mmCIF file of all heavy atoms, coordinates in Angstrom:
data_MODEL
# 
_entry.id   MODEL 
# 
loop_
_atom_site.group_PDB 
_atom_site.id 
_atom_site.type_symbol 
_atom_site.label_atom_id 
_atom_site.label_alt_id 
_atom_site.label_comp_id 
_atom_site.label_asym_id 
_atom_site.label_entity_id 
_atom_site.label_seq_id 
_atom_site.pdbx_PDB_ins_code 
_atom_site.Cartn_x 
_atom_site.Cartn_y 
_atom_site.Cartn_z 
_atom_site.occupancy 
_atom_site.B_iso_or_equiv 
_atom_site.pdbx_formal_charge 
_atom_site.auth_seq_id 
_atom_site.auth_comp_id 
_atom_site.auth_asym_id 
_atom_site.auth_atom_id 
_atom_site.pdbx_PDB_model_num 
ATOM 1   N N   . SER A 1 1  ? -11.674 53.109 -19.239 1.00 0.00 ? 1  SER A N   1 
ATOM 2   C CA  . SER A 1 1  ? -12.229 54.004 -20.236 1.00 0.00 ? 1  SER A CA  1 
ATOM 3   C C   . SER A 1 1  ? -13.748 53.824 -20.535 1.00 0.00 ? 1  SER A C   1 
ATOM 4   O O   . SER A 1 1  ? -14.330 54.782 -21.000 1.00 0.00 ? 1  SER A O   1 
ATOM 5   C CB  . SER A 1 1  ? -11.478 53.797 -21.554 1.00 0.00 ? 1  SER A CB  1 
ATOM 6   O OG  . SER A 1 1  ? -11.606 52.456 -22.012 1.00 0.00 ? 1  SER A OG  1 
ATOM 7   N N   . ALA A 1 2  ? -14.190 52.748 -20.165 1.00 0.00 ? 2  ALA A N   1 
ATOM 8   C CA  . ALA A 1 2  ? -15.711 52.405 -20.363 1.00 0.00 ? 2  ALA A CA  1 
ATOM 9   C C   . ALA A 1 2  ? -16.517 53.272 -19.380 1.00 0.00 ? 2  ALA A C   1 
ATOM 10  O O   . ALA A 1 2  ? -16.042 53.457 -18.252 1.00 0.00 ? 2  ALA A O   1 
ATOM 11  C CB  . ALA A 1 2  ? -16.007 50.916 -20.242 1.00 0.00 ? 2  ALA A CB  1 
ATOM 12  N N   . ASP A 1 3  ? -17.742 53.574 -19.681 1.00 0.00 ? 3  ASP A N   1 
ATOM 13  C CA  . ASP A 1 3  ? -18.623 54.263 -18.787 1.00 0.00 ? 3  ASP A CA  1 
ATOM 14  C C   . ASP A 1 3  ? -19.414 53.253 -17.940 1.00 0.00 ? 3  ASP A C   1 
ATOM 15  O O   . ASP A 1 3  ? -20.319 52.550 -18.479 1.00 0.00 ? 3  ASP A O   1 
ATOM 16  C CB  . ASP A 1 3  ? -19.606 55.130 -19.639 1.00 0.00 ? 3  ASP A CB  1 
ATOM 17  C CG  . ASP A 1 3  ? -20.539 55.896 -18.747 1.00 0.00 ? 3  ASP A CG  1 
ATOM 18  O OD1 . ASP A 1 3  ? -20.345 55.991 -17.483 1.00 0.00 ? 3  ASP A OD1 1 
ATOM 19  O OD2 . ASP A 1 3  ? -21.467 56.514 -19.265 1.00 0.00 ? 3  ASP A OD2 1 
ATOM 20  N N   . LEU A 1 4  ? -18.995 53.073 -16.717 1.00 0.00 ? 4  LEU A N   1 
ATOM 21  C CA  . LEU A 1 4  ? -19.658 52.108 -15.758 1.00 0.00 ? 4  LEU A CA  1 
ATOM 22  C C   . LEU A 1 4  ? -20.584 52.882 -14.806 1.00 0.00 ? 4  LEU A C   1 
ATOM 23  O O   . LEU A 1 4  ? -20.896 52.206 -13.787 1.00 0.00 ? 4  LEU A O   1 
ATOM 24  C CB  . LEU A 1 4  ? -18.551 51.369 -15.046 1.00 0.00 ? 4  LEU A CB  1 
ATOM 25  C CG  . LEU A 1 4  ? -17.588 50.494 -15.985 1.00 0.00 ? 4  LEU A CG  1 
ATOM 26  C CD1 . LEU A 1 4  ? -16.567 49.804 -15.083 1.00 0.00 ? 4  LEU A CD1 1 
ATOM 27  C CD2 . LEU A 1 4  ? -18.418 49.624 -16.881 1.00 0.00 ? 4  LEU A CD2 1 
ATOM 28  N N   . GLY A 1 5  ? -20.855 54.047 -15.046 1.00 0.00 ? 5  GLY A N   1 
ATOM 29  C CA  . GLY A 1 5  ? -21.788 54.785 -14.157 1.00 0.00 ? 5  GLY A CA  1 
ATOM 30  C C   . GLY A 1 5  ? -21.154 55.384 -12.966 1.00 0.00 ? 5  GLY A C   1 
ATOM 31  O O   . GLY A 1 5  ? -21.710 55.818 -12.034 1.00 0.00 ? 5  GLY A O   1 
ATOM 32  N N   . ALA A 1 6  ? -19.731 55.345 -12.845 1.00 0.00 ? 6  ALA A N   1 
ATOM 33  C CA  . ALA A 1 6  ? -19.068 55.857 -11.725 1.00 0.00 ? 6  ALA A CA  1 
ATOM 34  C C   . ALA A 1 6  ? -19.067 57.412 -11.808 1.00 0.00 ? 6  ALA A C   1 
ATOM 35  O O   . ALA A 1 6  ? -19.093 57.980 -12.813 1.00 0.00 ? 6  ALA A O   1 
ATOM 36  C CB  . ALA A 1 6  ? -17.523 55.392 -11.718 1.00 0.00 ? 6  ALA A CB  1 
ATOM 37  N N   . PRO A 1 7  ? -19.007 58.080 -10.559 1.00 0.00 ? 7  PRO A N   1 
ATOM 38  C CA  . PRO A 1 7  ? -18.869 59.531 -10.506 1.00 0.00 ? 7  PRO A CA  1 
ATOM 39  C C   . PRO A 1 7  ? -17.547 59.990 -11.088 1.00 0.00 ? 7  PRO A C   1 
ATOM 40  O O   . PRO A 1 7  ? -16.636 59.189 -11.345 1.00 0.00 ? 7  PRO A O   1 
ATOM 41  C CB  . PRO A 1 7  ? -19.122 59.876 -9.074  1.00 0.00 ? 7  PRO A CB  1 
ATOM 42  C CG  . PRO A 1 7  ? -18.680 58.689 -8.319  1.00 0.00 ? 7  PRO A CG  1 
ATOM 43  C CD  . PRO A 1 7  ? -19.105 57.459 -9.278  1.00 0.00 ? 7  PRO A CD  1 
ATOM 44  N N   . LEU A 1 8  ? -17.289 61.263 -11.149 1.00 0.00 ? 8  LEU A N   1 
ATOM 45  C CA  . LEU A 1 8  ? -16.044 61.816 -11.672 1.00 0.00 ? 8  LEU A CA  1 
ATOM 46  C C   . LEU A 1 8  ? -14.850 61.334 -10.771 1.00 0.00 ? 8  LEU A C   1 
ATOM 47  O O   . LEU A 1 8  ? -15.001 61.374 -9.604  1.00 0.00 ? 8  LEU A O   1 
ATOM 48  C CB  . LEU A 1 8  ? -16.114 63.348 -11.660 1.00 0.00 ? 8  LEU A CB  1 
ATOM 49  C CG  . LEU A 1 8  ? -17.254 64.042 -12.515 1.00 0.00 ? 8  LEU A CG  1 
ATOM 50  C CD1 . LEU A 1 8  ? -17.305 65.511 -12.183 1.00 0.00 ? 8  LEU A CD1 1 
ATOM 51  C CD2 . LEU A 1 8  ? -17.069 63.723 -13.967 1.00 0.00 ? 8  LEU A CD2 1 
ATOM 52  N N   . ILE A 1 9  ? -13.803 60.945 -11.477 1.00 0.00 ? 9  ILE A N   1 
ATOM 53  C CA  . ILE A 1 9  ? -12.647 60.503 -10.668 1.00 0.00 ? 9  ILE A CA  1 
ATOM 54  C C   . ILE A 1 9  ? -12.101 61.667 -9.835  1.00 0.00 ? 9  ILE A C   1 
ATOM 55  O O   . ILE A 1 9  ? -11.577 61.394 -8.732  1.00 0.00 ? 9  ILE A O   1 
ATOM 56  C CB  . ILE A 1 9  ? -11.505 59.914 -11.684 1.00 0.00 ? 9  ILE A CB  1 
ATOM 57  C CG1 . ILE A 1 9  ? -10.425 59.259 -10.868 1.00 0.00 ? 9  ILE A CG1 1 
ATOM 58  C CG2 . ILE A 1 9  ? -10.995 61.024 -12.578 1.00 0.00 ? 9  ILE A CG2 1 
ATOM 59  C CD1 . ILE A 1 9  ? -9.488  58.523 -11.690 1.00 0.00 ? 9  ILE A CD1 1 
ATOM 60  N N   . PHE A 1 10 ? -12.156 62.844 -10.325 1.00 0.00 ? 10 PHE A N   1 
ATOM 61  C CA  . PHE A 1 10 ? -11.868 64.101 -9.589  1.00 0.00 ? 10 PHE A CA  1 
ATOM 62  C C   . PHE A 1 10 ? -13.238 64.709 -9.206  1.00 0.00 ? 10 PHE A C   1 
ATOM 63  O O   . PHE A 1 10 ? -13.977 65.112 -10.085 1.00 0.00 ? 10 PHE A O   1 
ATOM 64  C CB  . PHE A 1 10 ? -11.035 65.064 -10.343 1.00 0.00 ? 10 PHE A CB  1 
ATOM 65  C CG  . PHE A 1 10 ? -9.593  64.725 -10.427 1.00 0.00 ? 10 PHE A CG  1 
ATOM 66  C CD1 . PHE A 1 10 ? -9.102  63.991 -11.528 1.00 0.00 ? 10 PHE A CD1 1 
ATOM 67  C CD2 . PHE A 1 10 ? -8.575  65.083 -9.450  1.00 0.00 ? 10 PHE A CD2 1 
ATOM 68  C CE1 . PHE A 1 10 ? -7.801  63.626 -11.621 1.00 0.00 ? 10 PHE A CE1 1 
ATOM 69  C CE2 . PHE A 1 10 ? -7.312  64.735 -9.582  1.00 0.00 ? 10 PHE A CE2 1 
ATOM 70  C CZ  . PHE A 1 10 ? -6.917  64.034 -10.679 1.00 0.00 ? 10 PHE A CZ  1 
ATOM 71  N N   . PRO A 1 11 ? -13.579 64.821 -7.957  1.00 0.00 ? 11 PRO A N   1 
ATOM 72  C CA  . PRO A 1 11 ? -12.751 64.660 -6.727  1.00 0.00 ? 11 PRO A CA  1 
ATOM 73  C C   . PRO A 1 11 ? -13.024 63.235 -6.078  1.00 0.00 ? 11 PRO A C   1 
ATOM 74  O O   . PRO A 1 11 ? -12.487 63.021 -4.995  1.00 0.00 ? 11 PRO A O   1 
ATOM 75  C CB  . PRO A 1 11 ? -13.266 65.700 -5.861  1.00 0.00 ? 11 PRO A CB  1 
ATOM 76  C CG  . PRO A 1 11 ? -14.659 65.839 -6.114  1.00 0.00 ? 11 PRO A CG  1 
ATOM 77  C CD  . PRO A 1 11 ? -14.841 65.589 -7.614  1.00 0.00 ? 11 PRO A CD  1 
ATOM 78  N N   . PHE A 1 12 ? -13.840 62.377 -6.682  1.00 0.00 ? 12 PHE A N   1 
ATOM 79  C CA  . PHE A 1 12 ? -14.439 61.317 -5.882  1.00 0.00 ? 12 PHE A CA  1 
ATOM 80  C C   . PHE A 1 12 ? -13.471 60.151 -5.542  1.00 0.00 ? 12 PHE A C   1 
ATOM 81  O O   . PHE A 1 12 ? -13.593 59.420 -4.657  1.00 0.00 ? 12 PHE A O   1 
ATOM 82  C CB  . PHE A 1 12 ? -15.690 60.801 -6.538  1.00 0.00 ? 12 PHE A CB  1 
ATOM 83  C CG  . PHE A 1 12 ? -16.801 61.711 -6.418  1.00 0.00 ? 12 PHE A CG  1 
ATOM 84  C CD1 . PHE A 1 12 ? -17.199 62.555 -7.459  1.00 0.00 ? 12 PHE A CD1 1 
ATOM 85  C CD2 . PHE A 1 12 ? -17.566 61.745 -5.232  1.00 0.00 ? 12 PHE A CD2 1 
ATOM 86  C CE1 . PHE A 1 12 ? -18.276 63.433 -7.359  1.00 0.00 ? 12 PHE A CE1 1 
ATOM 87  C CE2 . PHE A 1 12 ? -18.572 62.614 -5.068  1.00 0.00 ? 12 PHE A CE2 1 
ATOM 88  C CZ  . PHE A 1 12 ? -18.907 63.574 -6.143  1.00 0.00 ? 12 PHE A CZ  1 
ATOM 89  N N   . LEU A 1 13 ? -12.394 60.015 -6.293  1.00 0.00 ? 13 LEU A N   1 
ATOM 90  C CA  . LEU A 1 13 ? -11.348 59.137 -5.980  1.00 0.00 ? 13 LEU A CA  1 
ATOM 91  C C   . LEU A 1 13 ? -10.723 59.357 -4.558  1.00 0.00 ? 13 LEU A C   1 
ATOM 92  O O   . LEU A 1 13 ? -10.544 58.481 -3.765  1.00 0.00 ? 13 LEU A O   1 
ATOM 93  C CB  . LEU A 1 13 ? -10.202 59.084 -7.034  1.00 0.00 ? 13 LEU A CB  1 
ATOM 94  C CG  . LEU A 1 13 ? -8.951  58.285 -6.595  1.00 0.00 ? 13 LEU A CG  1 
ATOM 95  C CD1 . LEU A 1 13 ? -9.291  56.725 -6.491  1.00 0.00 ? 13 LEU A CD1 1 
ATOM 96  C CD2 . LEU A 1 13 ? -7.818  58.452 -7.589  1.00 0.00 ? 13 LEU A CD2 1 
ATOM 97  N N   . PHE A 1 14 ? -10.607 60.662 -4.355  1.00 0.00 ? 14 PHE A N   1 
ATOM 98  C CA  . PHE A 1 14 ? -9.956  61.115 -3.101  1.00 0.00 ? 14 PHE A CA  1 
ATOM 99  C C   . PHE A 1 14 ? -10.915 61.072 -1.924  1.00 0.00 ? 14 PHE A C   1 
ATOM 100 O O   . PHE A 1 14 ? -10.435 61.283 -0.744  1.00 0.00 ? 14 PHE A O   1 
ATOM 101 C CB  . PHE A 1 14 ? -9.345  62.436 -3.170  1.00 0.00 ? 14 PHE A CB  1 
ATOM 102 C CG  . PHE A 1 14 ? -8.459  62.587 -4.485  1.00 0.00 ? 14 PHE A CG  1 
ATOM 103 C CD1 . PHE A 1 14 ? -8.979  63.142 -5.657  1.00 0.00 ? 14 PHE A CD1 1 
ATOM 104 C CD2 . PHE A 1 14 ? -7.242  61.944 -4.515  1.00 0.00 ? 14 PHE A CD2 1 
ATOM 105 C CE1 . PHE A 1 14 ? -8.134  63.163 -6.837  1.00 0.00 ? 14 PHE A CE1 1 
ATOM 106 C CE2 . PHE A 1 14 ? -6.395  61.998 -5.714  1.00 0.00 ? 14 PHE A CE2 1 
ATOM 107 C CZ  . PHE A 1 14 ? -6.865  62.610 -6.808  1.00 0.00 ? 14 PHE A CZ  1 
ATOM 108 N N   . ILE A 1 15 ? -12.190 60.881 -2.160  1.00 0.00 ? 15 ILE A N   1 
ATOM 109 C CA  . ILE A 1 15 ? -13.164 60.740 -1.110  1.00 0.00 ? 15 ILE A CA  1 
ATOM 110 C C   . ILE A 1 15 ? -13.454 59.292 -0.895  1.00 0.00 ? 15 ILE A C   1 
ATOM 111 O O   . ILE A 1 15 ? -13.633 58.874 0.269   1.00 0.00 ? 15 ILE A O   1 
ATOM 112 C CB  . ILE A 1 15 ? -14.530 61.455 -1.508  1.00 0.00 ? 15 ILE A CB  1 
ATOM 113 C CG1 . ILE A 1 15 ? -14.253 63.000 -1.883  1.00 0.00 ? 15 ILE A CG1 1 
ATOM 114 C CG2 . ILE A 1 15 ? -15.528 61.329 -0.464  1.00 0.00 ? 15 ILE A CG2 1 
ATOM 115 C CD1 . ILE A 1 15 ? -13.550 63.719 -0.786  1.00 0.00 ? 15 ILE A CD1 1 
ATOM 116 N N   . THR A 1 16 ? -13.503 58.525 -1.955  1.00 0.00 ? 16 THR A N   1 
ATOM 117 C CA  . THR A 1 16 ? -13.775 57.047 -1.858  1.00 0.00 ? 16 THR A CA  1 
ATOM 118 C C   . THR A 1 16 ? -12.613 56.281 -1.085  1.00 0.00 ? 16 THR A C   1 
ATOM 119 O O   . THR A 1 16 ? -12.849 55.511 -0.167  1.00 0.00 ? 16 THR A O   1 
ATOM 120 C CB  . THR A 1 16 ? -13.950 56.399 -3.270  1.00 0.00 ? 16 THR A CB  1 
ATOM 121 O OG1 . THR A 1 16 ? -15.014 57.151 -3.924  1.00 0.00 ? 16 THR A OG1 1 
ATOM 122 C CG2 . THR A 1 16 ? -14.258 54.980 -3.203  1.00 0.00 ? 16 THR A CG2 1 
ATOM 123 N N   . VAL A 1 17 ? -11.359 56.597 -1.443  1.00 0.00 ? 17 VAL A N   1 
ATOM 124 C CA  . VAL A 1 17 ? -10.199 56.066 -0.740  1.00 0.00 ? 17 VAL A CA  1 
ATOM 125 C C   . VAL A 1 17 ? -9.750  57.002 0.326   1.00 0.00 ? 17 VAL A C   1 
ATOM 126 O O   . VAL A 1 17 ? -8.961  57.899 0.015   1.00 0.00 ? 17 VAL A O   1 
ATOM 127 C CB  . VAL A 1 17 ? -9.022  55.699 -1.793  1.00 0.00 ? 17 VAL A CB  1 
ATOM 128 C CG1 . VAL A 1 17 ? -7.952  54.946 -1.033  1.00 0.00 ? 17 VAL A CG1 1 
ATOM 129 C CG2 . VAL A 1 17 ? -9.584  54.739 -2.863  1.00 0.00 ? 17 VAL A CG2 1 
ATOM 130 N N   . ALA A 1 18 ? -10.230 56.794 1.418   1.00 0.00 ? 18 ALA A N   1 
ATOM 131 C CA  . ALA A 1 18 ? -9.857  57.592 2.610   1.00 0.00 ? 18 ALA A CA  1 
ATOM 132 C C   . ALA A 1 18 ? -8.754  56.836 3.435   1.00 0.00 ? 18 ALA A C   1 
ATOM 133 O O   . ALA A 1 18 ? -7.601  56.958 3.265   1.00 0.00 ? 18 ALA A O   1 
ATOM 134 C CB  . ALA A 1 18 ? -11.070 57.993 3.452   1.00 0.00 ? 18 ALA A CB  1 
ATOM 135 N N   . CYS A 1 19 ? -9.279  55.894 4.323   1.00 0.00 ? 19 CYS A N   1 
ATOM 136 C CA  . CYS A 1 19 ? -8.301  55.025 4.978   1.00 0.00 ? 19 CYS A CA  1 
ATOM 137 C C   . CYS A 1 19 ? -7.489  54.270 3.942   1.00 0.00 ? 19 CYS A C   1 
ATOM 138 O O   . CYS A 1 19 ? -8.063  53.780 2.983   1.00 0.00 ? 19 CYS A O   1 
ATOM 139 C CB  . CYS A 1 19 ? -9.030  54.038 5.836   1.00 0.00 ? 19 CYS A CB  1 
ATOM 140 S SG  . CYS A 1 19 ? -9.973  54.740 7.256   1.00 0.00 ? 19 CYS A SG  1 
ATOM 141 N N   . GLY A 1 20 ? -6.241  54.225 4.088   1.00 0.00 ? 20 GLY A N   1 
ATOM 142 C CA  . GLY A 1 20 ? -5.326  53.716 3.082   1.00 0.00 ? 20 GLY A CA  1 
ATOM 143 C C   . GLY A 1 20 ? -4.579  54.744 2.420   1.00 0.00 ? 20 GLY A C   1 
ATOM 144 O O   . GLY A 1 20 ? -3.424  54.629 1.935   1.00 0.00 ? 20 GLY A O   1 
ATOM 145 N N   . ALA A 1 21 ? -5.087  55.995 2.326   1.00 0.00 ? 21 ALA A N   1 
ATOM 146 C CA  . ALA A 1 21 ? -4.371  57.172 1.821   1.00 0.00 ? 21 ALA A CA  1 
ATOM 147 C C   . ALA A 1 21 ? -4.341  58.250 2.869   1.00 0.00 ? 21 ALA A C   1 
ATOM 148 O O   . ALA A 1 21 ? -3.349  58.653 3.372   1.00 0.00 ? 21 ALA A O   1 
ATOM 149 C CB  . ALA A 1 21 ? -5.093  57.690 0.559   1.00 0.00 ? 21 ALA A CB  1 
ATOM 150 N N   . ILE A 1 22 ? -5.538  58.886 3.222   1.00 0.00 ? 22 ILE A N   1 
ATOM 151 C CA  . ILE A 1 22 ? -5.683  59.850 4.287   1.00 0.00 ? 22 ILE A CA  1 
ATOM 152 C C   . ILE A 1 22 ? -7.159  59.772 4.723   1.00 0.00 ? 22 ILE A C   1 
ATOM 153 O O   . ILE A 1 22 ? -8.025  59.805 3.895   1.00 0.00 ? 22 ILE A O   1 
ATOM 154 C CB  . ILE A 1 22 ? -5.205  61.221 3.891   1.00 0.00 ? 22 ILE A CB  1 
ATOM 155 C CG1 . ILE A 1 22 ? -5.478  62.210 5.082   1.00 0.00 ? 22 ILE A CG1 1 
ATOM 156 C CG2 . ILE A 1 22 ? -5.889  61.653 2.655   1.00 0.00 ? 22 ILE A CG2 1 
ATOM 157 C CD1 . ILE A 1 22 ? -4.917  63.585 4.876   1.00 0.00 ? 22 ILE A CD1 1 
ATOM 158 N N   . SER A 1 23 ? -7.368  59.819 6.062   1.00 0.00 ? 23 SER A N   1 
ATOM 159 C CA  . SER A 1 23 ? -8.704  59.844 6.572   1.00 0.00 ? 23 SER A CA  1 
ATOM 160 C C   . SER A 1 23 ? -8.759  60.822 7.768   1.00 0.00 ? 23 SER A C   1 
ATOM 161 O O   . SER A 1 23 ? -7.857  60.629 8.668   1.00 0.00 ? 23 SER A O   1 
ATOM 162 C CB  . SER A 1 23 ? -9.136  58.475 7.054   1.00 0.00 ? 23 SER A CB  1 
ATOM 163 O OG  . SER A 1 23 ? -10.292 58.439 7.732   1.00 0.00 ? 23 SER A OG  1 
ATOM 164 N N   . GLY A 1 24 ? -9.716  61.690 7.750   1.00 0.00 ? 24 GLY A N   1 
ATOM 165 C CA  . GLY A 1 24 ? -9.850  62.600 8.848   1.00 0.00 ? 24 GLY A CA  1 
ATOM 166 C C   . GLY A 1 24 ? -10.148 61.873 10.220  1.00 0.00 ? 24 GLY A C   1 
ATOM 167 O O   . GLY A 1 24 ? -9.750  62.449 11.269  1.00 0.00 ? 24 GLY A O   1 
# 
């Protein structure tokens, strides 16, 4: 919940975790 300077979880969670979930 704290603001740690991370980008938006949508869509960047699905871009950050590629291998391990899906990777082109």
